[in-house]
Amino acid sequence: MKAQRLRGDVAIGTQVGGFVVEGLLGMGGCGAVFRARRGTARFALKLQSLSALGGWPSGRWTSSGG
């Protein structure tokens, strides 16, 4: 079964940092917000577009929150 592609080139079922993408909530000039889950908890997951960031980040990826 092929994964359904969403705008922003992220497929339903894609795993991002422990989150599983379930659908697209919205898009803007800086990126897209997706409906996602981690276990049974649901989240809104914002993914920044590389063009809005000026290309690939040169620093180390960090995580905020817990």
PDB file of N, CA and C in Angstrom:
ATOM      1  N   MET A   1       0.844  -1.189   0.000  1.00  0.00           N
ATOM      2  CA  MET A   1       0.000   0.000   0.000  1.00  0.00           C
ATOM      3  C   MET A   1       0.882   1.242   0.000  1.00  0.00           C
ATOM      4  N   LYS A   2       0.630   2.170  -0.902  1.00  0.00           N
ATOM      5  CA  LYS A   2       1.400   3.402  -0.956  1.00  0.00           C
ATOM      6  C   LYS A   2       0.927   4.359   0.128  1.00  0.00           C
ATOM      7  N   ALA A   3       1.880   5.069   0.724  1.00  0.00           N
ATOM      8  CA  ALA A   3       1.533   6.092   1.713  1.00  0.00           C
ATOM      9  C   ALA A   3       0.956   7.296   0.979  1.00  0.00           C
ATOM     10  N   GLN A   4      -0.073   7.888   1.541  1.00  0.00           N
ATOM     11  CA  GLN A   4      -0.677   9.073   0.936  1.00  0.00           C
ATOM     12  C   GLN A   4       0.226  10.270   1.179  1.00  0.00           C
ATOM     13  N   ARG A   5       0.598  10.975   0.108  1.00  0.00           N
ATOM     14  CA  ARG A   5       1.449  12.158   0.218  1.00  0.00           C
ATOM     15  C   ARG A   5       0.594  13.372   0.544  1.00  0.00           C
ATOM     16  N   LEU A   6       1.116  14.211   1.424  1.00  0.00           N
ATOM     17  CA  LEU A   6       0.458  15.457   1.787  1.00  0.00           C
ATOM     18  C   LEU A   6       1.255  16.607   1.193  1.00  0.00           C
ATOM     19  N   ARG A   7       0.673  17.774   1.108  1.00  0.00           N
ATOM     20  CA  ARG A   7       1.441  18.944   0.678  1.00  0.00           C
ATOM     21  C   ARG A   7       2.587  19.114   1.652  1.00  0.00           C
ATOM     22  N   GLY A   8       3.719  19.521   1.161  1.00  0.00           N
ATOM     23  CA  GLY A   8       4.893  19.616   2.000  1.00  0.00           C
ATOM     24  C   GLY A   8       5.744  18.356   1.898  1.00  0.00           C
ATOM     25  N   ASP A   9       5.329  17.419   1.033  1.00  0.00           N
ATOM     26  CA  ASP A   9       6.072  16.190   0.752  1.00  0.00           C
ATOM     27  C   ASP A   9       6.290  15.326   1.990  1.00  0.00           C
ATOM     28  N   VAL A  10       5.307  15.284   2.865  1.00  0.00           N
ATOM     29  CA  VAL A  10       5.346  14.402   4.035  1.00  0.00           C
ATOM     30  C   VAL A  10       4.179  13.431   3.901  1.00  0.00           C
ATOM     31  N   ALA A  11       4.455  12.152   4.010  1.00  0.00           N
ATOM     32  CA  ALA A  11       3.420  11.134   3.842  1.00  0.00           C
ATOM     33  C   ALA A  11       2.775  10.792   5.176  1.00  0.00           C
ATOM     34  N   ILE A  12       1.478  10.475   5.136  1.00  0.00           N
ATOM     35  CA  ILE A  12       0.801   9.959   6.322  1.00  0.00           C
ATOM     36  C   ILE A  12       1.541   8.701   6.757  1.00  0.00           C
ATOM     37  N   GLY A  13       1.811   8.603   8.044  1.00  0.00           N
ATOM     38  CA  GLY A  13       2.546   7.465   8.575  1.00  0.00           C
ATOM     39  C   GLY A  13       4.032   7.728   8.748  1.00  0.00           C
ATOM     40  N   THR A  14       4.526   8.858   8.205  1.00  0.00           N
ATOM     41  CA  THR A  14       5.932   9.212   8.370  1.00  0.00           C
ATOM     42  C   THR A  14       6.231   9.445   9.844  1.00  0.00           C
ATOM     43  N   GLN A  15       7.364   8.947  10.321  1.00  0.00           N
ATOM     44  CA  GLN A  15       7.784   9.173  11.703  1.00  0.00           C
ATOM     45  C   GLN A  15       8.801  10.301  11.737  1.00  0.00           C
ATOM     46  N   VAL A  16       8.539  11.290  12.600  1.00  0.00           N
ATOM     47  CA  VAL A  16       9.418  12.446  12.759  1.00  0.00           C
ATOM     48  C   VAL A  16       9.677  12.623  14.248  1.00  0.00           C
ATOM     49  N   GLY A  17      10.884  12.348  14.691  1.00  0.00           N
ATOM     50  CA  GLY A  17      11.247  12.552  16.092  1.00  0.00           C
ATOM     51  C   GLY A  17      10.344  11.842  17.079  1.00  0.00           C
ATOM     52  N   GLY A  18       9.905  10.652  16.759  1.00  0.00           N
ATOM     53  CA  GLY A  18       9.040   9.892  17.653  1.00  0.00           C
ATOM     54  C   GLY A  18       7.555  10.143  17.464  1.00  0.00           C
ATOM     55  N   PHE A  19       7.194  11.082  16.590  1.00  0.00           N
ATOM     56  CA  PHE A  19       5.802  11.380  16.272  1.00  0.00           C
ATOM     57  C   PHE A  19       5.436  10.695  14.962  1.00  0.00           C
ATOM     58  N   VAL A  20       4.183  10.265  14.826  1.00  0.00           N
ATOM     59  CA  VAL A  20       3.687   9.677  13.580  1.00  0.00           C
ATOM     60  C   VAL A  20       2.707  10.664  12.962  1.00  0.00           C
ATOM     61  N   VAL A  21       2.979  11.099  11.730  1.00  0.00           N
ATOM     62  CA  VAL A  21       2.140  12.071  11.027  1.00  0.00           C
ATOM     63  C   VAL A  21       0.831  11.409  10.620  1.00  0.00           C
ATOM     64  N   GLU A  22      -0.293  12.068  10.957  1.00  0.00           N
ATOM     65  CA  GLU A  22      -1.622  11.547  10.631  1.00  0.00           C
ATOM     66  C   GLU A  22      -2.369  12.388   9.614  1.00  0.00           C
ATOM     67  N   GLY A  23      -1.986  13.652   9.439  1.00  0.00           N
ATOM     68  CA  GLY A  23      -2.687  14.502   8.487  1.00  0.00           C
ATOM     69  C   GLY A  23      -2.151  15.918   8.511  1.00  0.00           C
ATOM     70  N   LEU A  24      -2.511  16.681   7.504  1.00  0.00           N
ATOM     71  CA  LEU A  24      -2.100  18.073   7.374  1.00  0.00           C
ATOM     72  C   LEU A  24      -3.156  18.971   7.997  1.00  0.00           C
ATOM     73  N   LEU A  25      -2.733  19.883   8.885  1.00  0.00           N
ATOM     74  CA  LEU A  25      -3.657  20.853   9.477  1.00  0.00           C
ATOM     75  C   LEU A  25      -3.624  22.179   8.735  1.00  0.00           C
ATOM     76  N   GLY A  26      -2.446  22.597   8.272  1.00  0.00           N
ATOM     77  CA  GLY A  26      -2.344  23.861   7.558  1.00  0.00           C
ATOM     78  C   GLY A  26      -0.934  24.119   7.075  1.00  0.00           C
ATOM     79  N   MET A  27      -0.832  25.054   6.108  1.00  0.00           N
ATOM     80  CA  MET A  27       0.469  25.431   5.561  1.00  0.00           C
ATOM     81  C   MET A  27       0.573  26.935   5.505  1.00  0.00           C
ATOM     82  N   GLY A  28       1.805  27.423   5.621  1.00  0.00           N
ATOM     83  CA  GLY A  28       2.068  28.845   5.517  1.00  0.00           C
ATOM     84  C   GLY A  28       3.415  29.070   4.866  1.00  0.00           C
ATOM     85  N   GLY A  29       3.873  30.296   4.908  1.00  0.00           N
ATOM     86  CA  GLY A  29       5.134  30.645   4.273  1.00  0.00           C
ATOM     87  C   GLY A  29       6.352  30.040   4.934  1.00  0.00           C
ATOM     88  N   CYS A  30       6.249  29.670   6.198  1.00  0.00           N
ATOM     89  CA  CYS A  30       7.409  29.139   6.929  1.00  0.00           C
ATOM     90  C   CYS A  30       7.403  27.627   7.073  1.00  0.00           C
ATOM     91  N   GLY A  31       6.329  26.966   6.709  1.00  0.00           N
ATOM     92  CA  GLY A  31       6.289  25.512   6.855  1.00  0.00           C
ATOM     93  C   GLY A  31       4.870  25.001   6.905  1.00  0.00           C
ATOM     94  N   ALA A  32       4.699  23.853   7.555  1.00  0.00           N
ATOM     95  CA  ALA A  32       3.392  23.205   7.630  1.00  0.00           C
ATOM     96  C   ALA A  32       3.169  22.662   9.035  1.00  0.00           C
ATOM     97  N   VAL A  33       1.893  22.579   9.421  1.00  0.00           N
ATOM     98  CA  VAL A  33       1.517  22.010  10.717  1.00  0.00           C
ATOM     99  C   VAL A  33       0.724  20.735  10.438  1.00  0.00           C
ATOM    100  N   PHE A  34       1.149  19.663  11.090  1.00  0.00           N
ATOM    101  CA  PHE A  34       0.547  18.355  10.881  1.00  0.00           C
ATOM    102  C   PHE A  34      -0.106  17.846  12.152  1.00  0.00           C
ATOM    103  N   ARG A  35      -1.161  17.072  12.000  1.00  0.00           N
ATOM    104  CA  ARG A  35      -1.744  16.317  13.107  1.00  0.00           C
ATOM    105  C   ARG A  35      -0.849  15.100  13.282  1.00  0.00           C
ATOM    106  N   ALA A  36      -0.412  14.853  14.522  1.00  0.00           N
ATOM    107  CA  ALA A  36       0.510  13.745  14.776  1.00  0.00           C
ATOM    108  C   ALA A  36       0.171  13.091  16.106  1.00  0.00           C
ATOM    109  N   ARG A  37       0.741  11.918  16.315  1.00  0.00           N
ATOM    110  CA  ARG A  37       0.554  11.233  17.600  1.00  0.00           C
ATOM    111  C   ARG A  37       1.874  10.633  18.045  1.00  0.00           C
ATOM    112  N   ARG A  38       1.983  10.473  19.341  1.00  0.00           N
ATOM    113  CA  ARG A  38       3.085   9.732  19.963  1.00  0.00           C
ATOM    114  C   ARG A  38       2.423   8.821  20.971  1.00  0.00           C
ATOM    115  N   GLY A  39       2.404   7.534  20.681  1.00  0.00           N
ATOM    116  CA  GLY A  39       1.634   6.596  21.505  1.00  0.00           C
ATOM    117  C   GLY A  39       0.163   6.917  21.347  1.00  0.00           C
ATOM    118  N   THR A  40      -0.533   7.153  22.468  1.00  0.00           N
ATOM    119  CA  THR A  40      -1.961   7.492  22.401  1.00  0.00           C
ATOM    120  C   THR A  40      -2.207   8.994  22.478  1.00  0.00           C
ATOM    121  N   ALA A  41      -1.158   9.785  22.732  1.00  0.00           N
ATOM    122  CA  ALA A  41      -1.297  11.244  22.832  1.00  0.00           C
ATOM    123  C   ALA A  41      -1.270  11.871  21.441  1.00  0.00           C
ATOM    124  N   ARG A  42      -2.061  12.924  21.249  1.00  0.00           N
ATOM    125  CA  ARG A  42      -2.146  13.622  19.967  1.00  0.00           C
ATOM    126  C   ARG A  42      -1.483  14.999  20.091  1.00  0.00           C
ATOM    127  N   PHE A  43      -0.860  15.430  18.989  1.00  0.00           N
ATOM    128  CA  PHE A  43      -0.107  16.683  18.968  1.00  0.00           C
ATOM    129  C   PHE A  43      -0.319  17.405  17.649  1.00  0.00           C
ATOM    130  N   ALA A  44      -0.006  18.705  17.639  1.00  0.00           N
ATOM    131  CA  ALA A  44       0.178  19.461  16.407  1.00  0.00           C
ATOM    132  C   ALA A  44       1.689  19.574  16.229  1.00  0.00           C
ATOM    133  N   LEU A  45       2.187  19.168  15.072  1.00  0.00           N
ATOM    134  CA  LEU A  45       3.622  19.121  14.807  1.00  0.00           C
ATOM    135  C   LEU A  45       3.942  20.099  13.690  1.00  0.00           C
ATOM    136  N   LYS A  46       4.759  21.120  13.991  1.00  0.00           N
ATOM    137  CA  LYS A  46       5.131  22.107  12.977  1.00  0.00           C
ATOM    138  C   LYS A  46       6.482  21.733  12.391  1.00  0.00           C
ATOM    139  N   LEU A  47       6.535  21.652  11.066  1.00  0.00           N
ATOM    140  CA  LEU A  47       7.780  21.393  10.354  1.00  0.00           C
ATOM    141  C   LEU A  47       8.121  22.632   9.542  1.00  0.00           C
ATOM    142  N   GLN A  48       9.272  23.215   9.813  1.00  0.00           N
ATOM    143  CA  GLN A  48       9.725  24.409   9.103  1.00  0.00           C
ATOM    144  C   GLN A  48      10.249  24.022   7.728  1.00  0.00           C
ATOM    145  N   SER A  49       9.981  24.861   6.745  1.00  0.00           N
ATOM    146  CA  SER A  49      10.529  24.604   5.413  1.00  0.00           C
ATOM    147  C   SER A  49      11.996  25.025   5.392  1.00  0.00           C
ATOM    148  N   LEU A  50      12.808  24.292   4.647  1.00  0.00           N
ATOM    149  CA  LEU A  50      14.231  24.624   4.560  1.00  0.00           C
ATOM    150  C   LEU A  50      14.443  25.992   3.943  1.00  0.00           C
ATOM    151  N   SER A  51      13.607  26.384   2.985  1.00  0.00           N
ATOM    152  CA  SER A  51      13.775  27.698   2.363  1.00  0.00           C
ATOM    153  C   SER A  51      13.515  28.812   3.372  1.00  0.00           C
ATOM    154  N   ALA A  52      12.587  28.610   4.302  1.00  0.00           N
ATOM    155  CA  ALA A  52      12.313  29.616   5.336  1.00  0.00           C
ATOM    156  C   ALA A  52      13.469  29.721   6.320  1.00  0.00           C
ATOM    157  N   LEU A  53      14.216  28.625   6.476  1.00  0.00           N
ATOM    158  CA  LEU A  53      15.360  28.611   7.389  1.00  0.00           C
ATOM    159  C   LEU A  53      16.648  29.039   6.700  1.00  0.00           C
ATOM    160  N   GLY A  54      16.603  29.240   5.401  1.00  0.00           N
ATOM    161  CA  GLY A  54      17.798  29.619   4.665  1.00  0.00           C
ATOM    162  C   GLY A  54      18.653  28.432   4.270  1.00  0.00           C
ATOM    163  N   GLY A  55      18.074  27.244   4.192  1.00  0.00           N
ATOM    164  CA  GLY A  55      18.815  26.036   3.826  1.00  0.00           C
ATOM    165  C   GLY A  55      18.948  25.108   5.010  1.00  0.00           C
ATOM    166  N   TRP A  56      19.796  24.103   4.860  1.00  0.00           N
ATOM    167  CA  TRP A  56      20.003  23.146   5.947  1.00  0.00           C
ATOM    168  C   TRP A  56      20.621  23.846   7.142  1.00  0.00           C
ATOM    169  N   PRO A  57      20.133  23.556   8.362  1.00  0.00           N
ATOM    170  CA  PRO A  57      20.724  24.174   9.548  1.00  0.00           C
ATOM    171  C   PRO A  57      22.165  23.714   9.729  1.00  0.00           C
ATOM    172  N   SER A  58      23.016  24.639  10.146  1.00  0.00           N
ATOM    173  CA  SER A  58      24.424  24.293  10.333  1.00  0.00           C
ATOM    174  C   SER A  58      24.713  23.885  11.767  1.00  0.00           C
ATOM    175  N   GLY A  59      23.826  24.228  12.687  1.00  0.00           N
ATOM    176  CA  GLY A  59      24.027  23.885  14.095  1.00  0.00           C
ATOM    177  C   GLY A  59      23.488  22.515  14.427  1.00  0.00           C
ATOM    178  N   ARG A  60      23.592  22.168  15.665  1.00  0.00           N
ATOM    179  CA  ARG A  60      23.117  20.876  16.147  1.00  0.00           C
ATOM    180  C   ARG A  60      21.616  20.950  16.385  1.00  0.00           C
ATOM    181  N   TRP A  61      20.886  19.881  16.032  1.00  0.00           N
ATOM    182  CA  TRP A  61      19.449  19.818  16.305  1.00  0.00           C
ATOM    183  C   TRP A  61      19.242  19.742  17.804  1.00  0.00           C
ATOM    184  N   THR A  62      18.267  20.455  18.302  1.00  0.00           N
ATOM    185  CA  THR A  62      17.941  20.398  19.723  1.00  0.00           C
ATOM    186  C   THR A  62      16.471  20.102  19.890  1.00  0.00           C
ATOM    187  N   SER A  63      16.105  19.652  21.056  1.00  0.00           N
ATOM    188  CA  SER A  63      14.723  19.350  21.377  1.00  0.00           C
ATOM    189  C   SER A  63      14.331  20.175  22.584  1.00  0.00           C
ATOM    190  N   SER A  64      13.158  20.785  22.532  1.00  0.00           N
ATOM    191  CA  SER A  64      12.679  21.526  23.696  1.00  0.00           C
ATOM    192  C   SER A  64      11.493  20.791  24.290  1.00  0.00           C
ATOM    193  N   GLY A  65      11.244  21.025  25.531  1.00  0.00           N
ATOM    194  CA  GLY A  65      10.119  20.371  26.197  1.00  0.00           C
ATOM    195  C   GLY A  65      10.489  18.991  26.669  1.00  0.00           C
ATOM    196  N   GLY A  66       9.488  18.240  27.064  1.00  0.00           N
ATOM    197  CA  GLY A  66       9.804  16.938  27.617  1.00  0.00           C
ATOM    198  C   GLY A  66       9.020  15.907  27.012  1.00  0.00           C
TER     199      GLY A  66
END
